[in-house]
Protein backbone atom coordinates (compact mmCIF):
# COMPACT_ATOMS: atom_id res chain seq x y z
CA MET A 1 20.95 6.31 11.23
CA SER A 2 22.84 5.80 8.16
CA ILE A 3 22.53 2.59 6.00
CA GLU A 4 24.85 1.62 3.26
CA LEU A 5 24.32 -0.81 0.46
CA ARG A 6 27.09 -3.12 -0.36
CA HIS A 7 27.27 -4.59 -3.83
CA GLU A 8 31.11 -5.79 -4.02
CA ILE A 9 32.31 -9.25 -4.64
CA THR A 10 35.81 -9.26 -4.40
CA ARG A 11 36.87 -12.74 -4.97
CA PRO A 12 36.18 -14.44 -8.25
CA ASN A 13 35.20 -17.75 -6.71
CA GLY A 14 34.04 -19.20 -3.32
CA PRO A 15 31.04 -18.77 -1.48
CA VAL A 16 28.66 -15.87 -1.68
CA PHE A 17 27.39 -14.13 1.32
CA ALA A 18 24.23 -12.15 1.68
CA GLU A 19 23.66 -9.33 4.22
CA VAL A 20 19.82 -9.60 4.79
CA ILE A 21 17.44 -7.28 6.73
CA VAL A 22 14.03 -8.84 8.08
CA PRO A 23 10.79 -7.27 9.01
CA ARG A 24 11.18 -7.07 12.71
CA HIS A 25 12.26 -4.38 15.20
CA LEU A 26 15.79 -5.00 14.76
CA ALA A 27 18.38 -2.50 13.36
CA LYS A 28 21.03 -5.02 12.74
CA THR A 29 21.50 -7.12 9.41
CA PHE A 30 22.04 -10.96 9.34
CA THR A 31 24.69 -12.85 7.14
CA TYR A 32 23.16 -15.73 5.12
CA LEU A 33 25.03 -18.16 2.73
CA VAL A 34 23.67 -17.90 -0.85
CA PRO A 35 23.14 -21.46 -2.28
CA PRO A 36 24.88 -22.02 -5.48
CA ALA A 37 21.71 -22.21 -7.46
CA LEU A 38 20.63 -18.93 -6.43
CA VAL A 39 24.03 -16.98 -6.91
CA SER A 40 23.34 -16.17 -10.65
CA GLY A 41 19.84 -14.75 -9.92
CA ILE A 42 20.17 -12.76 -6.76
CA GLY A 43 20.86 -9.17 -6.36
CA VAL A 44 20.72 -6.21 -4.00
CA GLY A 45 17.14 -5.31 -3.23
CA GLN A 46 16.15 -9.05 -3.81
CA ARG A 47 13.16 -10.36 -1.72
CA VAL A 48 14.40 -13.65 -0.13
CA VAL A 49 12.89 -16.34 2.44
CA VAL A 50 15.44 -16.86 5.11
CA PRO A 51 15.18 -19.10 8.14
CA PHE A 52 14.99 -17.01 11.37
CA GLY A 53 14.99 -18.82 14.63
CA ARG A 54 12.40 -21.54 14.41
CA THR A 55 10.29 -20.06 11.57
CA THR A 56 11.08 -18.47 8.26
CA LEU A 57 10.62 -14.79 7.33
CA ASP A 58 10.62 -12.64 4.13
CA GLY A 59 13.54 -10.56 4.11
CA ALA A 60 15.52 -8.20 1.67
CA VAL A 61 19.29 -8.41 0.43
CA VAL A 62 21.16 -5.00 1.27
CA GLY A 63 24.68 -6.57 0.52
CA LEU A 64 26.45 -9.08 -1.36
CA THR A 65 30.26 -10.28 -0.82
CA ARG A 66 32.41 -13.19 -1.28
CA GLU A 67 34.39 -12.00 1.77
CA LEU A 68 33.21 -13.67 5.14
CA PRO A 69 32.28 -10.82 7.53
CA GLN A 70 34.68 -10.54 10.41
CA GLY A 71 33.56 -12.54 13.42
CA VAL A 72 31.13 -14.66 11.56
CA SER A 73 31.80 -18.55 11.37
CA LEU A 74 31.05 -19.95 7.92
CA PHE A 75 30.14 -23.24 9.71
CA GLN A 76 27.50 -21.48 11.91
CA LEU A 77 25.78 -19.76 8.81
CA ARG A 78 22.26 -20.85 7.73
CA ALA A 79 21.42 -20.59 3.79
CA ILE A 80 18.68 -18.73 2.23
CA ASP A 81 15.70 -20.90 1.55
CA SER A 82 14.42 -19.12 -1.70
CA LEU A 83 13.56 -16.02 -3.66
CA ALA A 84 10.24 -14.72 -2.31
CA GLU A 85 7.27 -14.38 -4.56
CA GLY A 86 4.57 -12.03 -4.80
CA ASN A 87 2.73 -10.36 -7.86
CA GLY A 88 5.11 -12.25 -10.20
CA LEU A 89 7.99 -10.27 -8.53
CA SER A 90 10.85 -11.38 -6.36
CA GLY A 91 12.43 -8.09 -5.82
CA PHE A 92 10.81 -4.59 -5.10
CA PRO A 93 8.71 -2.27 -7.46
CA PRO A 94 11.24 0.27 -8.97
CA GLY A 95 12.21 3.06 -6.38
CA MET A 96 10.11 1.31 -3.35
CA PHE A 97 13.27 -0.12 -1.89
CA GLU A 98 15.10 2.99 -1.94
CA LEU A 99 12.13 4.76 -0.46
CA SER A 100 11.81 2.33 2.42
CA LYS A 101 15.75 3.17 3.05
CA LYS A 102 14.87 6.96 3.22
CA VAL A 103 11.90 6.55 5.64
CA ALA A 104 14.13 4.47 7.87
CA GLU A 105 16.78 7.08 8.00
CA GLU A 106 14.38 9.81 8.21
CA TYR A 107 12.18 8.47 11.15
CA LEU A 108 15.22 6.60 12.83
CA ALA A 109 13.22 3.23 12.48
CA PRO A 110 14.84 -0.41 11.74
CA TRP A 111 14.85 -0.57 7.93
CA GLY A 112 13.23 -4.03 8.27
CA GLN A 113 10.03 -2.36 9.68
CA CYS A 114 10.03 0.19 6.91
CA LEU A 115 10.24 -2.67 4.17
CA ARG A 116 6.79 -3.64 5.37
CA LEU A 117 5.33 -0.56 3.89
CA VAL A 118 6.33 -1.39 0.37
CA VAL A 119 6.44 -5.24 0.15
CA PRO A 120 3.97 -6.33 -2.62
CA PRO A 121 1.55 -8.76 -1.32
CA ALA A 122 1.02 -12.16 -2.96
CA ARG A 123 -1.65 -11.97 -5.52
CA ALA A 124 -4.84 -13.78 -4.33
CA ALA A 125 -7.74 -14.81 -6.66
CA GLY A 126 -10.21 -11.91 -6.68
CA ARG A 127 -13.53 -12.48 -5.23
CA PRO A 128 -16.40 -10.38 -6.37
CA LYS A 129 -18.40 -8.96 -3.52
CA TRP A 130 -22.26 -9.88 -3.60
CA CYS A 131 -25.25 -8.65 -1.96
CA TYR A 132 -29.01 -9.48 -1.91
CA VAL A 133 -31.50 -6.92 -2.83
CA ALA A 134 -35.40 -6.97 -2.38
CA THR A 135 -37.28 -6.56 -5.38
CA PRO A 136 -40.48 -4.48 -5.90
CA GLU A 137 -42.44 -7.96 -5.99
CA GLY A 138 -40.56 -8.93 -2.90
CA ARG A 139 -41.85 -5.74 -1.09
CA VAL A 140 -45.41 -6.32 -2.33
CA ALA A 141 -45.18 -9.96 -0.72
CA LEU A 142 -44.22 -8.45 2.66
CA GLU A 143 -47.05 -5.99 2.34
CA GLN A 144 -49.65 -8.63 1.31
CA GLY A 145 -48.30 -11.30 3.97
CA SER A 146 -47.65 -13.77 1.11
CA CYS A 147 -44.35 -14.76 2.19
CA PRO A 148 -44.09 -18.04 3.96
CA GLU A 149 -43.54 -17.82 7.87
CA ALA A 150 -40.26 -19.96 7.51
CA HIS A 151 -38.69 -17.55 5.07
CA LEU A 152 -40.30 -14.16 6.25
CA PRO A 153 -37.41 -13.03 8.63
CA VAL A 154 -34.87 -13.33 5.88
CA LEU A 155 -36.87 -11.30 3.32
CA LYS A 156 -37.61 -8.71 6.09
CA ARG A 157 -34.05 -8.19 6.77
CA ILE A 158 -32.89 -7.92 3.07
CA ALA A 159 -35.81 -5.53 2.43
CA ARG A 160 -34.58 -3.27 5.30
CA ARG A 161 -31.49 -2.37 3.47
CA LYS A 162 -32.13 -0.26 0.38
CA ARG A 163 -28.55 -0.84 -1.12
CA GLY A 164 -28.80 -4.37 -0.37
CA LEU A 165 -27.50 -6.92 2.54
CA SER A 166 -24.02 -8.30 1.84
CA ALA A 167 -24.08 -12.11 1.11
CA SER A 168 -21.28 -12.66 3.52
CA THR A 169 -23.44 -11.58 6.26
CA VAL A 170 -26.59 -13.50 5.39
CA GLN A 171 -26.57 -16.22 7.85
CA THR A 172 -29.46 -18.38 6.69
CA SER A 173 -30.08 -21.64 4.85
CA ARG A 174 -29.73 -22.00 1.25
CA GLU A 175 -33.05 -23.33 0.93
CA ALA A 176 -34.57 -20.07 1.98
CA LEU A 177 -32.39 -17.83 -0.46
CA ALA A 178 -33.13 -20.33 -3.21
CA PHE A 179 -36.92 -19.95 -2.68
CA LEU A 180 -36.85 -16.13 -2.40
CA GLN A 181 -34.71 -16.01 -5.49
CA ALA A 182 -36.98 -18.29 -7.55
CA ARG A 183 -40.12 -16.38 -6.49
CA GLN A 184 -38.17 -13.29 -7.68
CA TRP A 185 -38.59 -11.49 -4.43
CA ILE A 186 -34.83 -10.85 -4.02
CA LEU A 187 -31.95 -10.73 -6.33
CA LYS A 188 -28.21 -11.30 -6.00
CA CYS A 189 -26.15 -8.50 -7.68
CA ALA A 190 -22.78 -6.86 -7.28
CA ALA A 191 -22.18 -4.90 -4.00
CA THR A 192 -21.81 -1.24 -4.37
CA VAL A 193 -19.88 0.88 -1.79
CA SER A 194 -21.89 3.78 -0.43
CA SER A 195 -20.01 7.03 -0.31
CA ARG A 196 -20.31 10.13 1.93
CA SER A 197 -20.02 13.41 0.03
CA PRO A 198 -18.86 16.79 1.72
CA ARG A 199 -20.85 19.77 1.02
CA VAL A 200 -19.56 22.06 -1.75
CA GLY A 201 -17.91 25.13 -0.63
CA GLU A 202 -17.15 23.79 2.91
CA ASP A 203 -14.15 22.16 4.50
CA LYS A 204 -13.87 18.71 6.32
CA SER A 205 -15.10 19.75 9.69
CA GLU A 206 -18.14 21.18 8.05
CA GLY A 207 -18.88 18.38 5.59
CA GLU A 208 -22.24 17.21 4.89
CA LEU A 209 -23.86 14.75 2.37
CA VAL A 210 -24.47 16.02 -1.15
CA ASP A 211 -24.73 14.80 -4.81
CA PRO A 212 -21.15 14.83 -6.48
CA GLU A 213 -22.76 15.98 -9.71
CA LEU A 214 -22.63 19.39 -7.87
CA PHE A 215 -18.78 19.39 -8.80
CA ALA A 216 -19.55 19.09 -12.64
CA CYS A 217 -19.89 22.98 -13.01
CA LEU A 218 -16.48 23.62 -11.36
CA SER A 219 -13.86 25.64 -13.52
CA PRO A 220 -10.69 26.51 -12.02
CA ASP A 221 -9.01 29.72 -12.38
CA PRO A 222 -6.96 29.68 -15.76
CA ALA A 223 -4.15 31.64 -14.54
CA VAL A 224 -3.61 29.15 -11.62
CA VAL A 225 -3.81 26.34 -14.34
CA GLU A 226 -1.29 27.94 -16.34
CA GLN A 227 1.14 28.26 -13.49
CA ILE A 228 0.79 24.78 -12.47
CA GLN A 229 1.14 23.73 -16.04
CA ILE A 230 4.46 25.32 -16.44
CA ILE A 231 5.86 23.58 -13.17
CA LEU A 232 4.66 20.12 -14.58
CA GLN A 233 6.34 20.77 -17.72
CA ASN A 234 9.72 21.70 -16.04
CA ALA A 235 9.43 18.01 -14.79
CA GLN A 236 11.46 18.91 -11.64
CA ALA A 237 10.53 18.20 -7.84
CA ALA A 238 8.30 21.00 -6.66
CA ARG A 239 5.88 21.62 -3.86
CA ILE A 240 2.79 24.01 -3.85
CA LEU A 241 0.06 24.74 -1.52
CA ILE A 242 -3.47 24.97 -2.64
CA ASP A 243 -5.24 26.94 0.04
CA GLY A 244 -8.98 27.01 -0.51
CA VAL A 245 -12.36 25.17 0.18
CA LEU A 246 -12.94 21.90 -1.34
CA ASP A 247 -14.94 22.57 -4.09
CA TYR A 248 -11.91 24.95 -5.34
CA ARG A 249 -9.50 22.38 -4.63
CA VAL A 250 -11.28 19.35 -6.37
CA GLY A 251 -11.79 21.48 -9.44
CA LEU A 252 -8.08 22.33 -9.63
CA MET A 253 -7.21 18.75 -8.55
CA ALA A 254 -9.24 17.46 -11.49
CA ARG A 255 -7.51 20.02 -14.15
CA THR A 256 -4.00 19.36 -12.78
CA ALA A 257 -4.49 15.62 -12.88
CA GLN A 258 -5.53 15.70 -16.47
CA LEU A 259 -2.55 17.88 -17.28
CA ALA A 260 -0.06 15.30 -15.72
CA LEU A 261 -1.97 12.38 -17.72
CA ASP A 262 -1.51 14.56 -21.02
CA GLY A 263 2.25 14.73 -20.19
CA GLY A 264 2.61 10.82 -20.15
CA ARG A 265 2.72 10.91 -16.22
CA SER A 266 0.54 9.13 -13.45
CA VAL A 267 -1.02 10.66 -10.60
CA LEU A 268 -1.38 9.65 -6.89
CA ILE A 269 -4.14 11.48 -4.63
CA ILE A 270 -3.87 10.71 -0.85
CA ILE A 271 -6.69 11.74 1.62
CA GLY A 272 -6.75 11.02 5.17
CA GLU A 273 -10.32 9.03 5.52
CA VAL A 274 -11.47 5.83 3.73
CA VAL A 275 -15.04 7.28 3.18
CA ARG A 276 -13.86 10.52 1.65
CA ALA A 277 -10.99 8.62 -0.42
CA GLN A 278 -14.06 6.54 -1.66
CA TRP A 279 -16.07 9.77 -2.42
CA LEU A 280 -13.66 11.67 -4.15
CA ALA A 281 -12.66 8.44 -6.56
CA ARG A 282 -16.29 8.54 -7.37
CA VAL A 283 -16.17 12.32 -8.23
CA LEU A 284 -13.10 11.96 -10.27
CA GLN A 285 -14.61 8.86 -12.16
CA GLU A 286 -17.98 9.90 -12.45
CA VAL A 287 -18.21 13.65 -12.57
CA MET A 288 -14.71 14.57 -14.11
CA LYS A 289 -14.58 11.37 -16.27
CA LEU A 290 -10.89 10.65 -15.14
CA PRO A 291 -9.47 7.01 -15.12
CA ALA A 292 -9.14 6.93 -11.32
CA THR A 293 -8.56 3.97 -9.30
CA LEU A 294 -9.50 3.69 -5.70
CA GLN A 295 -6.53 1.60 -3.65
CA LEU A 296 -7.34 0.90 -0.05
CA ARG A 297 -4.57 -1.15 1.22
CA GLY A 298 -3.53 -2.55 4.52
CA ALA A 299 -0.06 -3.55 6.02
CA SER A 300 0.28 -6.52 3.66
CA GLY A 301 0.93 -4.01 0.61
CA VAL A 302 -0.31 -2.59 -2.47
CA ASP A 303 -1.81 -4.55 -5.72
CA VAL A 304 -0.90 -2.09 -8.26
CA GLU A 305 -3.11 -3.15 -10.99
CA SER A 306 -6.68 -2.18 -11.75
CA ASP A 307 -9.62 -4.51 -12.53
CA GLU A 308 -8.62 -4.44 -16.04
CA GLY A 309 -4.88 -5.59 -15.30
CA ALA A 310 -3.29 -2.65 -16.57
CA SER A 311 -1.18 -0.21 -14.24
CA PRO A 312 -3.66 2.53 -13.03
CA ARG A 313 -3.09 6.16 -14.23
CA ILE A 314 -4.75 7.81 -11.09
CA VAL A 315 -4.64 6.22 -7.81
CA VAL A 316 -6.95 7.79 -5.03
CA GLY A 317 -6.06 6.26 -1.34
CA THR A 318 -5.63 6.72 2.28
CA ARG A 319 -2.43 7.15 4.24
CA SER A 320 -0.55 3.86 3.39
CA ALA A 321 -1.27 4.34 -0.39
CA ILE A 322 1.67 6.78 -0.48
CA PHE A 323 3.60 3.62 -0.92
CA CYS A 324 1.69 2.54 -4.21
CA PRO A 325 4.39 1.86 -6.68
CA LEU A 326 2.80 3.76 -9.71
CA ARG A 327 4.80 4.12 -12.81
CA SER A 328 6.30 7.46 -13.49
CA PRO A 329 4.13 9.52 -10.96
CA GLY A 330 4.30 13.07 -12.28
CA LEU A 331 1.86 14.54 -9.68
CA ILE A 332 1.29 13.64 -5.99
CA TRP A 333 -1.74 15.53 -4.25
CA VAL A 334 -2.01 15.27 -0.54
CA ASP A 335 -5.44 16.70 0.39
CA GLY A 336 -6.30 17.88 3.83
CA GLU A 337 -2.57 17.72 4.60
CA GLU A 338 -3.25 18.93 8.11
CA ASP A 339 -5.48 16.01 8.82
CA SER A 340 -3.72 13.77 11.55
CA ALA A 341 -5.12 10.70 9.94
CA LEU A 342 -2.09 11.33 7.62
CA LYS A 343 0.33 10.35 10.30
CA GLU A 344 1.02 6.63 11.08
CA PRO A 345 0.23 5.71 14.65
CA GLN A 346 2.48 2.73 14.62
CA GLU A 347 6.42 2.41 13.80
CA PRO A 348 7.74 3.90 11.59
CA HIS A 349 5.71 7.00 12.46
CA TYR A 350 5.83 8.65 9.24
CA HIS A 351 3.83 11.55 7.99
CA VAL A 352 2.34 11.42 4.47
CA ARG A 353 3.27 15.16 3.91
CA ASP A 354 6.90 14.14 4.43
CA VAL A 355 6.97 10.69 2.46
CA ALA A 356 5.21 12.57 -0.42
CA TRP A 357 8.01 14.95 -0.59
CA MET A 358 10.60 12.31 -0.53
CA ARG A 359 8.69 10.42 -3.33
CA ALA A 360 8.26 13.81 -5.46
CA GLN A 361 12.25 14.43 -5.12
CA GLN A 362 12.65 10.63 -6.30
CA GLU A 363 10.29 10.84 -9.35
CA SER A 364 11.01 14.70 -10.14
CA ALA A 365 7.21 15.18 -9.64
CA LEU A 366 5.04 18.05 -8.34
CA LEU A 367 3.80 17.71 -4.95
CA VAL A 368 0.57 19.60 -4.14
CA TYR A 369 -0.57 20.19 -0.58
CA GLY A 370 -4.49 20.82 -0.40
CA SER A 371 -6.27 22.37 2.66
CA ALA A 372 -8.54 24.93 3.76
CA HIS A 373 -6.70 25.23 7.26
CA PRO A 374 -2.97 24.48 6.07
CA SER A 375 -0.64 23.25 8.79
CA LEU A 376 2.03 25.38 10.51
CA GLU A 377 4.54 22.86 8.82
CA VAL A 378 3.59 23.75 5.54
CA ILE A 379 3.10 27.40 5.91
CA SER A 380 6.49 27.96 7.59
CA GLU A 381 7.98 26.50 4.48
CA GLY A 382 8.71 29.64 2.71
CA ALA A 383 9.75 27.91 -0.61
CA ILE A 384 6.24 26.62 -1.04
CA GLU A 385 4.34 28.76 -3.52
CA ARG A 386 0.61 29.18 -2.46
CA PHE A 387 -2.26 29.35 -4.83
């Protein structure tokens, strides 16, 4: 499938027509009239709100012209409603529009479907997650039986959870919570995400829970680090395979990420499972002291800003985070590249391994495949250097 972008406006005056794709299972484009008020601000790659049947949809402009397309009646055309909004942008993050086009062509999928992967979401006001935790005094009250019967079930339920009970799941009266808090038997505090950790020296299939601090002593092979540094300094698209157990890969990942940061580039790290992404972000943050940001996104898009409001320097995420619009990524690391979780089950059926190479070529970045059991797809690529 070949998709062409049309930018030409061949007549100096007259109406402007836009070719728009919509996020539906449709390969064709739709022609809309551009209202005069939007002509000066619209362009190819612009996100727009268009009437579609009895509803409205967010679409994207893929062509602009003053020539009425053949077979289209001017009087039957509908006009674009407005420019779309999201994260203060009405267009797509740099490079993401082109990436969605490449994915559509590679996987023979409607371009509109692929746009869903890269559309930035509307910013919602962030709500902190809270939980209730039983205090030592509260546990003593349970042991001594001093808690009133009316509030006893609530205190027991909270005390059973060592990490606390999410405030959103506590279905009880405000009076009970207020009573327990007044007695200082429970505390309301920010929720923390529990993370499972795989055993050092073992691969994913043999993973067990261990303290991430065990990774603090890791020291990657200086010769390998030197070769990777040369590749990064070349600032050209390249692929390598890190073939080894988890502790070897994590140590080398941290050192390589630091080299990319030192060169003024950002880092994107993809792993198949949510729990392991959470754990890996924790290792990089707390043990390796790297500015890693966890990005777990849904189909609605990615928020590319960290809690501090700045663009993140290192993003750790799962499959769909490959579309996170980082600024100037210099390193893309796909860990556990053989994991089936890295293949999207819905259309477009992309594989992170392939999309990561598209991004690396687009950004002149280094792509690293990490695995203890490399896939045949990677092994069969003779041009991929193995460490």
